[in-house]
Amino acid sequence: MKKLMLSLAVVSLFAITGINAQTLPNEATDFTQETTKIDPETLPEKVKETIQNDETVKDLTISEAHQVMEEAEVYYMIKFESTNPGEELTKKYDAMGKEVKEEKAEEPVK
């Protein structure tokens, strides 16, 4: 009977240890964001076309362009000089020229 209780205790210990080992976070799945400043002239043609067809930014000057690697995807972060001095407008596009809208956390309704 003592051997049976001891065996159950050892098996339980291994089971608990195994469960804890599986719940550790996997650091290999953490994605990093890498940003590289690029010349606006080197933007992909699809992105340039989208900018030219966008009424809100087509007449604005590009002040900065960045290529962003985020979660294994390539995006282009474009900063436009606004018509108002000191203001900038920033838009994000994917490699196909589609504008990527940033999802904002919704505020709780009171």
Protein backbone atom coordinates (compact mmCIF):
# COMPACT_ATOMS: atom_id res chain seq x y z
CA MET A 1 0.00 0.00 0.00
CA LYS A 2 2.87 2.36 0.80
CA LYS A 3 4.44 1.60 -2.58
CA LEU A 4 1.17 2.39 -4.34
CA MET A 5 0.83 5.74 -2.53
CA LEU A 6 4.47 6.58 -3.27
CA SER A 7 3.99 5.70 -6.95
CA LEU A 8 0.88 7.89 -7.18
CA ALA A 9 2.76 10.78 -5.56
CA VAL A 10 5.64 10.48 -8.06
CA VAL A 11 3.25 10.28 -11.04
CA SER A 12 1.34 13.32 -9.73
CA LEU A 13 4.59 15.25 -9.36
CA PHE A 14 5.57 14.47 -12.96
CA ALA A 15 2.11 15.41 -14.20
CA ILE A 16 2.19 18.79 -12.43
CA THR A 17 5.71 19.48 -13.68
CA GLY A 18 4.69 18.59 -17.23
CA ILE A 19 1.69 20.93 -17.11
CA ASN A 20 3.80 23.84 -15.87
CA ALA A 21 6.37 23.25 -18.61
CA GLN A 22 3.67 23.49 -21.26
CA THR A 23 2.21 26.77 -19.98
CA LEU A 24 5.42 28.77 -20.32
CA PRO A 25 5.18 31.47 -23.00
CA ASN A 26 6.80 30.65 -26.29
CA GLU A 27 9.19 33.52 -27.00
CA ALA A 28 9.71 32.36 -30.59
CA THR A 29 6.20 33.57 -31.52
CA ASP A 30 6.87 37.17 -30.46
CA PHE A 31 7.05 39.33 -33.56
CA THR A 32 9.28 42.34 -33.82
CA GLN A 33 8.70 45.47 -35.81
CA GLU A 34 11.58 46.67 -37.97
CA THR A 35 11.39 50.12 -39.56
CA THR A 36 13.65 51.39 -42.35
CA LYS A 37 13.51 54.95 -43.68
CA ILE A 38 13.32 54.94 -47.48
CA ASP A 39 13.30 57.49 -50.28
CA PRO A 40 9.69 58.27 -51.32
CA GLU A 41 10.70 57.68 -54.95
CA THR A 42 11.39 54.01 -54.14
CA LEU A 43 7.84 53.30 -52.99
CA PRO A 44 6.11 50.49 -54.89
CA GLU A 45 4.07 51.61 -57.89
CA LYS A 46 0.82 50.33 -56.32
CA VAL A 47 1.39 52.56 -53.27
CA LYS A 48 2.17 55.57 -55.49
CA GLU A 49 -1.01 54.95 -57.52
CA THR A 50 -3.12 54.76 -54.37
CA ILE A 51 -1.66 58.04 -53.12
CA GLN A 52 -2.36 59.74 -56.46
CA ASN A 53 -5.97 58.52 -56.40
CA ASP A 54 -6.59 59.56 -52.76
CA GLU A 55 -8.23 63.01 -52.69
CA THR A 56 -7.05 63.69 -49.13
CA VAL A 57 -3.31 63.28 -49.82
CA LYS A 58 -2.71 63.53 -53.58
CA ASP A 59 -1.80 67.24 -53.39
CA LEU A 60 0.31 66.90 -50.21
CA THR A 61 4.09 66.53 -50.13
CA ILE A 62 5.59 63.35 -48.66
CA SER A 63 7.89 64.36 -45.81
CA GLU A 64 8.99 60.84 -44.82
CA ALA A 65 8.52 57.27 -45.97
CA HIS A 66 9.29 54.16 -43.93
CA GLN A 67 9.22 50.48 -44.82
CA VAL A 68 7.90 48.56 -41.84
CA MET A 69 8.27 44.80 -41.26
CA GLU A 70 5.51 43.84 -38.85
CA GLU A 71 4.42 40.27 -38.10
CA ALA A 72 6.12 39.00 -41.29
CA GLU A 73 4.26 41.56 -43.45
CA VAL A 74 5.66 44.60 -45.27
CA TYR A 75 3.92 47.94 -44.83
CA TYR A 76 4.75 51.47 -45.87
CA MET A 77 4.28 54.28 -43.36
CA ILE A 78 4.00 57.60 -45.19
CA LYS A 79 4.07 61.03 -43.50
CA PHE A 80 2.55 63.87 -45.50
CA GLU A 81 3.10 67.58 -44.84
CA SER A 82 -0.25 69.15 -44.08
CA THR A 83 -1.47 72.41 -45.57
CA ASN A 84 -1.47 73.73 -41.99
CA PRO A 85 2.08 74.56 -40.81
CA GLY A 86 3.43 72.19 -38.17
CA GLU A 87 0.86 69.46 -38.83
CA GLU A 88 1.48 66.06 -40.42
CA LEU A 89 -0.80 63.35 -41.73
CA THR A 90 0.39 59.75 -41.49
CA LYS A 91 -1.03 56.85 -43.48
CA LYS A 92 -0.07 53.19 -43.67
CA TYR A 93 -0.25 51.08 -46.84
CA ASP A 94 0.39 47.43 -47.57
CA ALA A 95 2.62 46.31 -50.46
CA MET A 96 -0.38 46.19 -52.81
CA GLY A 97 -1.24 49.84 -52.13
CA LYS A 98 -4.24 49.21 -49.92
CA GLU A 99 -4.52 51.63 -47.01
CA VAL A 100 -4.24 49.90 -43.65
CA LYS A 101 -6.46 51.43 -41.00
CA GLU A 102 -5.17 51.27 -37.46
CA GLU A 103 -7.68 49.66 -35.13
CA LYS A 104 -8.37 51.87 -32.16
CA ALA A 105 -9.49 50.49 -28.84
CA GLU A 106 -13.07 51.46 -28.25
CA GLU A 107 -13.82 53.43 -25.13
CA PRO A 108 -16.34 51.86 -22.77
CA VAL A 109 -19.83 53.39 -22.94
CA LYS A 110 -20.85 55.07 -19.70
